[in-house]
């Protein structure tokens, strides 16, 4: 730049550079100011846009919540009405039943329970257990023997099997 102009002395070159540097700094200051103003304006615009969207979102979400609350209220009312109608139908049906129908229902229910108890009792029947190959052992007094403790060699025992009873005498006791 200095070579193209007719600046002959270093002082003239320095003065030229200082002048052009001042112009350049002034231009940079102007550009910085303009950029700051543009950024500030853009930020304010975006802040307004976000505020507007937040308000719109709040309005929409409030409307959705109110709609859901309204729907929930309708569902509660519908549920109460259905429950009330069902209760009325059952009361009406119960009122229409005669005493004999009620007692038959009661007896049927208890007959089912009795059948269940009979099945449980049959499953625990000693005769059924004997048919599986097990035996019942009685001491000389007719009590069921549950343990070898209290027994002695020479004691008489009765062993009941599925098809009969065996009388036996203890020869030897072997404990676990």
N, C-alpha and C. Protein backbone atom coordinates (compact mmCIF):
# COMPACT_ATOMS: atom_id res chain seq x y z
N UNK A 1 0.82 -1.16 0.00
CA UNK A 1 0.00 0.00 0.00
C UNK A 1 0.88 1.26 0.00
N UNK A 2 1.90 1.21 0.77
CA UNK A 2 2.81 2.34 0.82
C UNK A 2 3.57 2.45 -0.49
N UNK A 3 3.88 1.34 -1.11
CA UNK A 3 4.67 1.37 -2.34
C UNK A 3 3.89 2.00 -3.48
N UNK A 4 2.57 1.89 -3.50
CA UNK A 4 1.80 2.44 -4.61
C UNK A 4 1.57 3.95 -4.46
N UNK A 5 1.62 4.42 -3.30
CA UNK A 5 1.44 5.87 -3.13
C UNK A 5 2.80 6.54 -3.14
N UNK A 6 2.76 7.74 -3.30
CA UNK A 6 4.04 8.46 -3.42
C UNK A 6 4.48 8.99 -2.07
N UNK A 7 4.50 8.14 -1.07
CA UNK A 7 4.98 8.55 0.26
C UNK A 7 6.47 8.32 0.32
N UNK A 8 7.19 9.32 0.62
CA UNK A 8 8.63 9.24 0.51
C UNK A 8 9.32 9.06 1.85
N UNK A 9 8.75 9.47 2.94
CA UNK A 9 9.45 9.41 4.23
C UNK A 9 8.70 8.48 5.18
N UNK A 10 9.44 7.96 6.13
CA UNK A 10 8.77 7.10 7.11
C UNK A 10 7.71 7.85 7.91
N UNK A 11 7.87 9.07 8.17
CA UNK A 11 6.88 9.84 8.90
C UNK A 11 5.60 9.94 8.10
N UNK A 12 5.73 10.14 6.77
CA UNK A 12 4.57 10.22 5.90
C UNK A 12 3.85 8.89 5.89
N UNK A 13 4.61 7.79 5.88
CA UNK A 13 4.02 6.44 5.89
C UNK A 13 3.29 6.23 7.21
N UNK A 14 3.91 6.58 8.33
CA UNK A 14 3.29 6.41 9.65
C UNK A 14 2.01 7.23 9.73
N UNK A 15 2.03 8.46 9.26
CA UNK A 15 0.84 9.31 9.28
C UNK A 15 -0.26 8.69 8.44
N UNK A 16 0.15 8.16 7.27
CA UNK A 16 -0.83 7.51 6.39
C UNK A 16 -1.46 6.30 7.09
N UNK A 17 -0.63 5.46 7.74
CA UNK A 17 -1.13 4.27 8.44
C UNK A 17 -2.02 4.65 9.61
N UNK A 18 -1.64 5.65 10.36
CA UNK A 18 -2.44 6.08 11.51
C UNK A 18 -3.80 6.58 11.03
N UNK A 19 -3.82 7.31 9.96
CA UNK A 19 -5.09 7.83 9.44
C UNK A 19 -5.99 6.68 8.97
N UNK A 20 -5.40 5.76 8.18
CA UNK A 20 -6.21 4.64 7.68
C UNK A 20 -6.62 3.70 8.82
N UNK A 21 -5.75 3.55 9.85
CA UNK A 21 -6.09 2.71 11.00
C UNK A 21 -7.24 3.34 11.77
N UNK A 22 -7.24 4.65 11.91
CA UNK A 22 -8.33 5.35 12.58
C UNK A 22 -9.63 5.17 11.83
N UNK A 23 -9.58 5.25 10.52
CA UNK A 23 -10.78 5.05 9.69
C UNK A 23 -11.28 3.62 9.87
N UNK A 24 -10.34 2.66 9.88
CA UNK A 24 -10.71 1.26 10.03
C UNK A 24 -11.32 1.00 11.41
N UNK A 25 -10.73 1.57 12.46
CA UNK A 25 -11.29 1.42 13.81
C UNK A 25 -12.67 2.04 13.89
N UNK A 26 -12.84 3.17 13.29
CA UNK A 26 -14.14 3.82 13.27
C UNK A 26 -15.17 2.94 12.56
N UNK A 27 -14.76 2.33 11.46
CA UNK A 27 -15.64 1.41 10.71
C UNK A 27 -15.99 0.20 11.57
N UNK A 28 -14.98 -0.35 12.27
CA UNK A 28 -15.23 -1.50 13.16
C UNK A 28 -16.19 -1.12 14.28
N UNK A 29 -16.01 0.06 14.87
CA UNK A 29 -16.91 0.52 15.93
C UNK A 29 -18.35 0.63 15.41
N UNK A 30 -18.49 1.18 14.21
CA UNK A 30 -19.82 1.30 13.61
C UNK A 30 -20.44 -0.08 13.36
N UNK A 31 -19.63 -1.01 12.85
CA UNK A 31 -20.13 -2.37 12.61
C UNK A 31 -20.51 -3.07 13.92
N UNK A 32 -19.68 -2.87 14.96
CA UNK A 32 -19.99 -3.47 16.26
C UNK A 32 -21.30 -2.91 16.79
N UNK A 33 -21.49 -1.64 16.69
CA UNK A 33 -22.73 -1.00 17.15
C UNK A 33 -23.92 -1.54 16.38
N UNK A 34 -23.77 -1.65 15.07
CA UNK A 34 -24.86 -2.14 14.23
C UNK A 34 -25.17 -3.61 14.57
N UNK A 35 -24.14 -4.44 14.79
CA UNK A 35 -24.32 -5.85 15.14
C UNK A 35 -25.00 -5.98 16.51
N UNK A 36 -24.60 -5.14 17.44
CA UNK A 36 -25.21 -5.16 18.78
C UNK A 36 -26.69 -4.82 18.68
N UNK A 37 -27.00 -3.78 17.89
CA UNK A 37 -28.40 -3.39 17.74
C UNK A 37 -29.22 -4.48 17.06
N UNK A 38 -28.64 -5.13 16.05
CA UNK A 38 -29.33 -6.21 15.36
C UNK A 38 -29.58 -7.40 16.29
N UNK A 39 -28.54 -7.76 17.07
CA UNK A 39 -28.68 -8.89 18.01
C UNK A 39 -29.71 -8.58 19.09
N UNK A 40 -29.68 -7.35 19.60
CA UNK A 40 -30.64 -6.95 20.62
C UNK A 40 -32.06 -7.00 20.07
N UNK A 41 -32.24 -6.49 18.87
CA UNK A 41 -33.56 -6.52 18.25
C UNK A 41 -34.02 -7.95 18.01
N UNK A 42 -33.10 -8.79 17.55
CA UNK A 42 -33.45 -10.20 17.30
C UNK A 42 -33.82 -10.91 18.60
N UNK A 43 -33.04 -10.68 19.66
CA UNK A 43 -33.33 -11.30 20.95
C UNK A 43 -34.68 -10.84 21.50
N UNK A 44 -34.97 -9.56 21.36
CA UNK A 44 -36.26 -9.06 21.83
C UNK A 44 -37.40 -9.69 21.04
N UNK A 45 -37.19 -9.82 19.75
CA UNK A 45 -38.22 -10.46 18.91
C UNK A 45 -38.43 -11.92 19.31
N UNK A 46 -37.34 -12.62 19.54
CA UNK A 46 -37.44 -14.03 19.94
C UNK A 46 -38.08 -14.14 21.33
N UNK A 47 -37.74 -13.22 22.23
CA UNK A 47 -38.33 -13.23 23.57
C UNK A 47 -39.84 -13.02 23.47
N UNK A 48 -40.27 -12.09 22.62
CA UNK A 48 -41.72 -11.86 22.42
C UNK A 48 -42.38 -13.10 21.82
N UNK A 49 -41.69 -13.71 20.84
CA UNK A 49 -42.24 -14.91 20.20
C UNK A 49 -42.38 -16.05 21.23
N UNK A 50 -41.35 -16.25 22.05
CA UNK A 50 -41.40 -17.30 23.07
C UNK A 50 -42.48 -17.01 24.12
N UNK A 51 -42.60 -15.74 24.49
CA UNK A 51 -43.64 -15.36 25.46
C UNK A 51 -45.02 -15.65 24.88
N UNK A 52 -45.21 -15.29 23.61
CA UNK A 52 -46.50 -15.56 22.96
C UNK A 52 -46.78 -17.06 22.88
N UNK A 53 -45.76 -17.83 22.55
CA UNK A 53 -45.95 -19.28 22.46
C UNK A 53 -46.22 -19.88 23.83
N UNK A 54 -45.52 -19.40 24.85
CA UNK A 54 -45.76 -19.89 26.22
C UNK A 54 -47.19 -19.60 26.64
N UNK A 55 -47.66 -18.42 26.32
CA UNK A 55 -49.04 -18.07 26.66
C UNK A 55 -50.02 -18.98 25.91
N UNK A 56 -49.75 -19.18 24.62
CA UNK A 56 -50.63 -20.04 23.82
C UNK A 56 -50.61 -21.47 24.36
N UNK A 57 -49.42 -21.96 24.72
CA UNK A 57 -49.30 -23.30 25.27
C UNK A 57 -50.04 -23.42 26.60
N UNK A 58 -49.91 -22.42 27.41
CA UNK A 58 -50.62 -22.40 28.70
C UNK A 58 -52.12 -22.40 28.47
N UNK A 59 -52.58 -21.62 27.51
CA UNK A 59 -54.01 -21.55 27.21
C UNK A 59 -54.52 -22.90 26.71
N UNK A 60 -53.76 -23.51 25.81
CA UNK A 60 -54.17 -24.81 25.25
C UNK A 60 -54.16 -25.89 26.34
N UNK A 61 -53.09 -25.93 27.14
CA UNK A 61 -53.02 -26.97 28.17
C UNK A 61 -54.11 -26.78 29.21
N UNK A 62 -54.42 -25.55 29.55
CA UNK A 62 -55.52 -25.29 30.49
C UNK A 62 -56.84 -25.78 29.92
N UNK A 63 -57.05 -25.53 28.64
CA UNK A 63 -58.28 -25.99 27.99
C UNK A 63 -58.34 -27.52 27.97
N UNK A 64 -57.21 -28.17 27.73
CA UNK A 64 -57.17 -29.64 27.72
C UNK A 64 -57.49 -30.18 29.10
N UNK A 65 -56.87 -29.60 30.13
CA UNK A 65 -57.12 -30.06 31.50
C UNK A 65 -58.58 -29.85 31.87
N UNK A 66 -59.14 -28.71 31.53
CA UNK A 66 -60.56 -28.46 31.84
C UNK A 66 -61.46 -29.45 31.11
N UNK A 67 -61.13 -29.74 29.86
CA UNK A 67 -61.90 -30.72 29.10
C UNK A 67 -61.81 -32.11 29.74
N UNK A 68 -60.61 -32.49 30.18
CA UNK A 68 -60.43 -33.79 30.83
C UNK A 68 -61.19 -33.84 32.15
N UNK A 69 -61.16 -32.74 32.91
CA UNK A 69 -61.92 -32.69 34.17
C UNK A 69 -63.41 -32.80 33.91
N UNK A 70 -63.88 -32.15 32.87
CA UNK A 70 -65.29 -32.22 32.52
C UNK A 70 -65.67 -33.66 32.13
N UNK A 71 -64.82 -34.27 31.32
CA UNK A 71 -65.06 -35.66 30.89
C UNK A 71 -65.04 -36.60 32.09
N UNK A 72 -64.11 -36.39 33.01
CA UNK A 72 -64.04 -37.20 34.22
C UNK A 72 -65.31 -37.04 35.05
N UNK A 73 -65.80 -35.83 35.15
CA UNK A 73 -67.06 -35.60 35.87
C UNK A 73 -68.21 -36.34 35.22
N UNK A 74 -68.25 -36.30 33.89
CA UNK A 74 -69.31 -37.02 33.16
C UNK A 74 -69.21 -38.52 33.41
N UNK A 75 -67.98 -39.04 33.39
CA UNK A 75 -67.78 -40.47 33.62
C UNK A 75 -68.19 -40.87 35.04
N UNK A 76 -67.87 -40.01 36.02
CA UNK A 76 -68.28 -40.30 37.40
C UNK A 76 -69.80 -40.34 37.50
N UNK A 77 -70.44 -39.35 36.90
CA UNK A 77 -71.90 -39.31 36.95
C UNK A 77 -72.49 -40.54 36.27
N UNK A 78 -71.92 -40.93 35.13
CA UNK A 78 -72.38 -42.11 34.41
C UNK A 78 -72.19 -43.37 35.25
N UNK A 79 -71.04 -43.47 35.93
CA UNK A 79 -70.77 -44.62 36.78
C UNK A 79 -71.76 -44.68 37.94
N UNK A 80 -72.02 -43.55 38.56
CA UNK A 80 -72.99 -43.52 39.66
C UNK A 80 -74.37 -43.95 39.18
N UNK A 81 -74.75 -43.45 38.01
CA UNK A 81 -76.06 -43.79 37.45
C UNK A 81 -76.14 -45.29 37.16
N UNK A 82 -75.11 -45.84 36.54
CA UNK A 82 -75.12 -47.28 36.22
C UNK A 82 -75.14 -48.12 37.49
N UNK A 83 -74.36 -47.72 38.48
CA UNK A 83 -74.35 -48.47 39.74
C UNK A 83 -75.71 -48.42 40.40
N UNK A 84 -76.33 -47.25 40.36
CA UNK A 84 -77.66 -47.11 40.95
C UNK A 84 -78.68 -47.97 40.20
N UNK A 85 -78.61 -47.97 38.88
CA UNK A 85 -79.54 -48.79 38.09
C UNK A 85 -79.32 -50.28 38.35
N UNK A 86 -78.07 -50.70 38.44
CA UNK A 86 -77.77 -52.09 38.72
C UNK A 86 -78.29 -52.49 40.09
N UNK A 87 -78.09 -51.63 41.06
CA UNK A 87 -78.60 -51.89 42.41
C UNK A 87 -80.12 -51.98 42.41
N UNK A 88 -80.76 -51.09 41.69
CA UNK A 88 -82.23 -51.14 41.61
C UNK A 88 -82.70 -52.43 40.96
N UNK A 89 -82.02 -52.85 39.88
CA UNK A 89 -82.41 -54.11 39.21
C UNK A 89 -82.24 -55.30 40.14
N UNK A 90 -81.13 -55.31 40.87
CA UNK A 90 -80.90 -56.44 41.79
C UNK A 90 -81.91 -56.43 42.93
N UNK A 91 -82.22 -55.25 43.43
CA UNK A 91 -83.25 -55.18 44.50
C UNK A 91 -84.59 -55.63 43.96
N UNK A 92 -84.92 -55.19 42.76
CA UNK A 92 -86.18 -55.58 42.14
C UNK A 92 -86.23 -57.09 41.95
N UNK A 93 -85.11 -57.66 41.48
CA UNK A 93 -85.06 -59.11 41.29
C UNK A 93 -85.19 -59.83 42.61
N UNK A 94 -84.52 -59.33 43.62
CA UNK A 94 -84.59 -59.94 44.95
C UNK A 94 -86.00 -59.83 45.51
N UNK A 95 -86.64 -58.69 45.30
CA UNK A 95 -88.01 -58.52 45.78
C UNK A 95 -88.96 -59.47 45.07
N UNK A 96 -88.68 -59.77 43.80
CA UNK A 96 -89.58 -60.62 43.04
C UNK A 96 -89.42 -62.10 43.38
N UNK A 97 -88.28 -62.46 43.98
CA UNK A 97 -88.08 -63.86 44.34
C UNK A 97 -88.97 -64.23 45.52
N UNK A 98 -89.50 -65.39 45.46
CA UNK A 98 -90.33 -65.86 46.57
C UNK A 98 -89.43 -66.47 47.62
N UNK A 99 -90.00 -66.73 48.77
CA UNK A 99 -89.24 -67.31 49.86
C UNK A 99 -88.71 -68.68 49.47
N UNK A 100 -89.47 -69.45 48.74
CA UNK A 100 -89.01 -70.78 48.33
C UNK A 100 -87.84 -70.68 47.36
N UNK A 101 -87.86 -69.69 46.47
CA UNK A 101 -86.74 -69.50 45.55
C UNK A 101 -85.48 -69.10 46.30
N UNK A 102 -85.66 -68.21 47.29
CA UNK A 102 -84.51 -67.79 48.09
C UNK A 102 -83.94 -68.97 48.87
N UNK A 103 -84.79 -69.77 49.47
CA UNK A 103 -84.30 -70.91 50.25
C UNK A 103 -83.67 -71.94 49.32
N UNK A 104 -84.20 -72.11 48.09
CA UNK A 104 -83.60 -73.05 47.14
C UNK A 104 -82.20 -72.56 46.77
N UNK A 105 -82.04 -71.27 46.50
CA UNK A 105 -80.73 -70.71 46.18
C UNK A 105 -79.77 -70.92 47.34
N UNK A 106 -80.25 -70.68 48.55
CA UNK A 106 -79.43 -70.86 49.75
C UNK A 106 -79.02 -72.32 49.89
N UNK A 107 -79.97 -73.23 49.71
CA UNK A 107 -79.68 -74.65 49.84
C UNK A 107 -78.74 -75.14 48.74
N UNK A 108 -78.93 -74.64 47.53
CA UNK A 108 -78.02 -75.02 46.43
C UNK A 108 -76.59 -74.61 46.73
N UNK A 109 -76.45 -73.39 47.23
CA UNK A 109 -75.11 -72.89 47.56
C UNK A 109 -74.46 -73.75 48.64
N UNK A 110 -75.23 -74.11 49.65
CA UNK A 110 -74.68 -74.92 50.74
C UNK A 110 -74.48 -76.37 50.31
N UNK A 111 -75.26 -76.85 49.37
CA UNK A 111 -75.06 -78.20 48.84
C UNK A 111 -73.73 -78.26 48.09
N UNK A 112 -73.39 -77.20 47.36
CA UNK A 112 -72.10 -77.14 46.68
C UNK A 112 -70.96 -77.18 47.69
N UNK A 113 -71.09 -76.42 48.76
CA UNK A 113 -70.07 -76.43 49.81
C UNK A 113 -69.94 -77.82 50.42
N UNK A 114 -71.08 -78.46 50.69
CA UNK A 114 -71.08 -79.80 51.27
C UNK A 114 -70.38 -80.79 50.34
N UNK A 115 -70.61 -80.67 49.05
CA UNK A 115 -69.95 -81.55 48.08
C UNK A 115 -68.43 -81.33 48.12
N UNK A 116 -68.02 -80.09 48.23
CA UNK A 116 -66.59 -79.79 48.32
C UNK A 116 -65.98 -80.41 49.58
N UNK A 117 -66.69 -80.29 50.70
CA UNK A 117 -66.20 -80.88 51.95
C UNK A 117 -66.13 -82.40 51.85
N UNK A 118 -67.11 -83.01 51.19
CA UNK A 118 -67.10 -84.46 51.01
C UNK A 118 -65.89 -84.90 50.20
N UNK A 119 -65.57 -84.14 49.15
CA UNK A 119 -64.40 -84.47 48.33
C UNK A 119 -63.11 -84.37 49.15
N UNK A 120 -63.01 -83.34 49.97
CA UNK A 120 -61.82 -83.18 50.81
C UNK A 120 -61.73 -84.31 51.83
N UNK A 121 -62.86 -84.68 52.41
CA UNK A 121 -62.90 -85.75 53.40
C UNK A 121 -62.52 -87.08 52.75
N UNK A 122 -63.02 -87.33 51.56
CA UNK A 122 -62.70 -88.57 50.85
C UNK A 122 -61.20 -88.64 50.52
N UNK A 123 -60.60 -87.50 50.18
CA UNK A 123 -59.17 -87.49 49.87
C UNK A 123 -58.33 -87.86 51.09
N UNK A 124 -58.86 -87.62 52.30
CA UNK A 124 -58.13 -87.92 53.54
C UNK A 124 -58.61 -89.21 54.21
N UNK A 125 -59.49 -89.94 53.58
CA UNK A 125 -60.06 -91.16 54.13
C UNK A 125 -58.96 -92.21 54.33
N UNK A 126 -58.85 -92.79 55.54
CA UNK A 126 -57.82 -93.81 55.78
C UNK A 126 -57.97 -95.02 54.86
N UNK A 127 -59.18 -95.39 54.48
CA UNK A 127 -59.38 -96.52 53.58
C UNK A 127 -58.71 -96.24 52.23
N UNK A 128 -58.80 -95.02 51.75
CA UNK A 128 -58.17 -94.65 50.49
C UNK A 128 -56.65 -94.71 50.64
N UNK A 129 -56.15 -94.28 51.76
CA UNK A 129 -54.71 -94.30 52.00
C UNK A 129 -54.21 -95.75 52.04
N UNK A 130 -55.01 -96.63 52.65
CA UNK A 130 -54.63 -98.05 52.69
C UNK A 130 -54.59 -98.65 51.29
N UNK A 131 -55.48 -98.19 50.41
CA UNK A 131 -55.50 -98.72 49.05
C UNK A 131 -54.26 -98.31 48.26
N UNK A 132 -53.53 -97.33 48.75
CA UNK A 132 -52.29 -96.89 48.09
C UNK A 132 -51.09 -97.68 48.57
N UNK A 133 -51.28 -98.65 49.50
CA UNK A 133 -50.18 -99.48 49.96
C UNK A 133 -49.66 -99.12 51.33
N UNK A 134 -50.27 -98.19 51.99
CA UNK A 134 -49.87 -97.83 53.34
C UNK A 134 -50.59 -98.72 54.34
N UNK A 135 -50.14 -98.68 55.60
CA UNK A 135 -50.76 -99.49 56.65
C UNK A 135 -50.96 -98.63 57.88
N UNK A 136 -51.92 -99.01 58.72
CA UNK A 136 -52.14 -98.37 60.02
C UNK A 136 -51.69 -99.36 61.08
N UNK A 137 -50.89 -98.92 62.04
CA UNK A 137 -50.35 -99.79 63.09
C UNK A 137 -50.96 -99.36 64.41
N UNK A 138 -51.54 -100.37 65.15
CA UNK A 138 -52.18 -100.12 66.44
C UNK A 138 -51.41 -100.88 67.52
N UNK A 139 -51.35 -100.28 68.73
CA UNK A 139 -50.72 -100.99 69.85
C UNK A 139 -51.73 -101.94 70.47
N UNK A 140 -51.35 -102.57 71.55
CA UNK A 140 -52.23 -103.56 72.21
C UNK A 140 -53.51 -102.95 72.74
N UNK A 141 -53.53 -101.65 73.01
CA UNK A 141 -54.74 -100.99 73.53
C UNK A 141 -55.60 -100.41 72.41
N UNK A 142 -55.20 -100.60 71.15
CA UNK A 142 -55.99 -100.12 70.02
C UNK A 142 -55.69 -98.68 69.61
N UNK A 143 -54.63 -98.10 70.16
CA UNK A 143 -54.25 -96.74 69.77
C UNK A 143 -53.27 -96.80 68.60
N UNK A 144 -53.37 -95.80 67.71
CA UNK A 144 -52.47 -95.75 66.55
C UNK A 144 -51.05 -95.47 67.03
N UNK A 145 -50.11 -96.23 66.49
CA UNK A 145 -48.69 -96.06 66.83
C UNK A 145 -48.10 -95.06 65.83
N UNK A 146 -47.52 -93.98 66.41
CA UNK A 146 -46.94 -92.93 65.57
C UNK A 146 -45.42 -92.90 65.65
N UNK A 147 -44.85 -93.59 66.66
CA UNK A 147 -43.41 -93.54 66.87
C UNK A 147 -42.98 -94.83 67.55
N UNK A 148 -41.69 -95.15 67.40
CA UNK A 148 -41.16 -96.34 68.07
C UNK A 148 -40.90 -96.08 69.55
N UNK A 149 -40.89 -94.82 69.94
CA UNK A 149 -40.68 -94.53 71.35
C UNK A 149 -41.90 -95.01 72.13
N UNK A 150 -41.67 -95.64 73.23
CA UNK A 150 -42.75 -96.21 74.04
C UNK A 150 -43.05 -97.65 73.70
N UNK A 151 -42.45 -98.18 72.64
CA UNK A 151 -42.64 -99.57 72.27
C UNK A 151 -41.45 -100.39 72.79
N UNK A 152 -41.74 -101.67 73.05
CA UNK A 152 -40.68 -102.55 73.55
C UNK A 152 -40.77 -103.89 72.82
N UNK A 153 -39.67 -104.59 72.82
CA UNK A 153 -39.68 -105.93 72.24
C UNK A 153 -40.68 -106.77 73.00
N UNK A 154 -41.45 -107.53 72.26
CA UNK A 154 -42.46 -108.41 72.85
C UNK A 154 -43.85 -107.80 72.86
N UNK A 155 -43.98 -106.48 72.59
CA UNK A 155 -45.30 -105.86 72.54
C UNK A 155 -46.07 -106.42 71.35
N UNK A 156 -47.40 -106.54 71.54
CA UNK A 156 -48.26 -106.98 70.45
C UNK A 156 -48.73 -105.77 69.65
N UNK A 157 -48.80 -105.92 68.33
CA UNK A 157 -49.27 -104.87 67.44
C UNK A 157 -50.30 -105.44 66.48
N UNK A 158 -51.19 -104.57 66.00
CA UNK A 158 -52.12 -104.92 64.92
C UNK A 158 -51.78 -104.03 63.74
N UNK A 159 -51.59 -104.64 62.56
CA UNK A 159 -51.26 -103.90 61.35
C UNK A 159 -52.45 -104.03 60.41
N UNK A 160 -53.11 -102.90 60.17
CA UNK A 160 -54.28 -102.90 59.31
C UNK A 160 -53.85 -102.59 57.89
N UNK A 161 -54.19 -103.47 56.95
CA UNK A 161 -53.89 -103.31 55.53
C UNK A 161 -55.21 -103.11 54.79
N UNK A 162 -55.13 -102.96 53.50
CA UNK A 162 -56.33 -102.69 52.69
C UNK A 162 -57.36 -103.82 52.81
N UNK A 163 -56.89 -105.05 52.82
CA UNK A 163 -57.83 -106.18 52.78
C UNK A 163 -57.88 -106.99 54.07
N UNK A 164 -57.31 -106.47 55.17
CA UNK A 164 -57.40 -107.20 56.44
C UNK A 164 -56.41 -106.68 57.45
N UNK A 165 -56.31 -107.41 58.58
CA UNK A 165 -55.46 -107.00 59.70
C UNK A 165 -54.51 -108.14 60.02
N UNK A 166 -53.27 -107.79 60.36
CA UNK A 166 -52.26 -108.76 60.75
C UNK A 166 -51.92 -108.50 62.21
N UNK A 167 -51.96 -109.57 63.04
CA UNK A 167 -51.51 -109.47 64.44
C UNK A 167 -50.06 -109.90 64.47
N UNK A 168 -49.23 -109.10 65.14
CA UNK A 168 -47.80 -109.39 65.16
C UNK A 168 -47.21 -109.01 66.51
N UNK A 169 -46.00 -109.50 66.77
CA UNK A 169 -45.28 -109.21 68.00
C UNK A 169 -43.94 -108.57 67.63
N UNK A 170 -43.53 -107.54 68.39
CA UNK A 170 -42.27 -106.85 68.11
C UNK A 170 -41.12 -107.73 68.54
N UNK A 171 -40.19 -108.02 67.61
CA UNK A 171 -39.00 -108.80 67.90
C UNK A 171 -37.83 -107.88 68.21
N UNK A 172 -37.72 -106.81 67.42
CA UNK A 172 -36.57 -105.91 67.56
C UNK A 172 -36.99 -104.50 67.13
N UNK A 173 -36.51 -103.47 67.81
CA UNK A 173 -36.79 -102.06 67.47
C UNK A 173 -35.51 -101.44 66.94
N UNK A 174 -35.59 -100.87 65.74
CA UNK A 174 -34.44 -100.21 65.12
C UNK A 174 -34.82 -98.73 64.98
N UNK A 175 -34.12 -97.88 65.69
CA UNK A 175 -34.39 -96.43 65.62
C UNK A 175 -33.53 -95.81 64.54
N UNK A 176 -34.02 -94.71 64.00
CA UNK A 176 -33.26 -93.98 62.96
C UNK A 176 -31.95 -93.48 63.49
